[in-house]
Amino acid sequence: METSKNGRAKKIELFNLKSINMRVFHLTWMAFFLCFFGWFGIAPMLAIVREDLGITTDQIVNTNMIAVASTVFMRLIIGWLCDRIGPRITYTWLLILGSIPVIMIGMVQNYEQFLIARMFIGAIGAGFVITQFHTSVMFAPNIVGTANATTAGWGNLGGGVTQQVMPLIFAAVVAYTGSEFLAWRLSMIGPGIMLFIMGIVYYYFTQDTPAGNYKSLDSKKKENKSKDSIGKVLKDHKVWLLFLIYGACFGVELIVNSKAALYFIDYFDMNIQTAGLIAGLFGLMNLFARSLGGFFGDRFGKSGGLKGRVKWLFVTLFIESLALILFSRMGTIPMIIVSLLLFSLFVQMSEGATYSVVPFVNKKALGMVSGIVGAGGNAGAVAGMLLFKKQLTGLEWTDSFFVLGFIVMAVSFSTFLIRFSKKAEVIARKETRAKKEEIIQLQPELVTS
């Protein structure tokens, strides 16, 4: 495999499993796929949970919010841990510990217990930060946007697959047990076991950087971290603008993932299987949509530098807002499917475009930048979910989606405030075009220092 001087891959070779770069590529998206499966596995069965526990739709919204809100805090912590102890150990423990509440959610007996269980399950959503961090240190600047977008997109695919697979698992368990109330509880055991197994696999088959694991690297070099990196990250307006922007794309995707099946059941009189099938189409677009966002981000990066990447981000985000507004106005099943697919395409391309910019913001604190921006997605989801609390806003869900579309449109214009220095532009252009002479040479072990 062709690599740069610091061992980062310059190409994505999907079937080259001998390369540590590609092993990490595949295991990161697989791990995040399972995180998404455990995170939103309960979503297609919420109508049954609502009936079983005797809770209201607004209380269901509360549990959706807590499942997303808990991830905000965890993403900040996980980003810091990636910088400190490395992505391999961080992911291993997140997967193993995260499997416990997923398995145990079937034991809850009331609203309060269900709320707490979903709060702990939400922690595994922080796996996204590790996925993006680990991919970023394994791939060179000319391809990092595509690599980031593909691993995140294929991981997000879990959100779509779970919408389609969990109703089938649920139906199979119902056929065996004869009880819907028992079936939703037993159905969550499988995703929990898979998360645990993936934690073991991640530990033994990946490493922190192309050069090796953090523990085996020179401790003195690891300690040579800029003391003011954290301060610079927190003061950088680009970080917080990307935090806001990611809330308007990934945050909105989380809202749709958590509400789509129930929306179709309540507003279009679908059964749980049909609603799950259609809602799953939204997530399945991650198979290629997010990758396209990162791919074109890299292409615009080559021709227009960092400005080109940011302009592409504006285009995807603006069209996303139009597609969401269109989705909210559809009243027939065929049209709701078409508009859902259009919206899905651009919301996921926006996410890929965002993380084609992130690796260039601050290489000395890549984990922290990835964590803050990633947390923005969850923060945006929590804020957006308030629109769906009917007791608070008085809005029908169709109108909530409509208002949300205009909020995304407003946020899209904030991309014009993202500006890089001339020095950063020069460095990024030369790195992206893979010139023989590099402006900055990072030690593999200091890729985040």
Foldseek 3Di string as FASTA:
>chain_A
DDADPQQAAADADQPPCVALLNVLLVLLLVLLLLLLCLLLLCQLVVVVVCVQQVHDPLLLLLLLLLLLQLQLVLLLVLLVCCLPFNLLLSLLVLLQQLLVLLLVCLVDRHSVSNSVSSNSSSNSNSSLLSSLLQNLQRHFLQCSLLSNLLSSLSSLLSLLVSLQVSVVQLVVVCVVPVDSSNSSNNSSNVSSVVSNVSSVVSNPSHARHSVGHLVPDDPVVSVPADPCQVVCLVPDVLLVLLLQLLQLQLLVVSLLSNCQLVCCCVQVVDDSNVSSNLSSLLSNLSNPLSSVLSVVLSVLCQVPNLVRLLVSLLVLLQQLLVLLLQLLPDRDDVSNSVSSNSNSNSSSSNVSSSSSNLCLPAQQSSSSSSSSSSSSNSVSNSVLSVLPNCVRPVDHVSVSSNVSSVVSNVSSVSSVVDDDDPVSRVQSNCRNVVDPDHPDDDNSSRRND
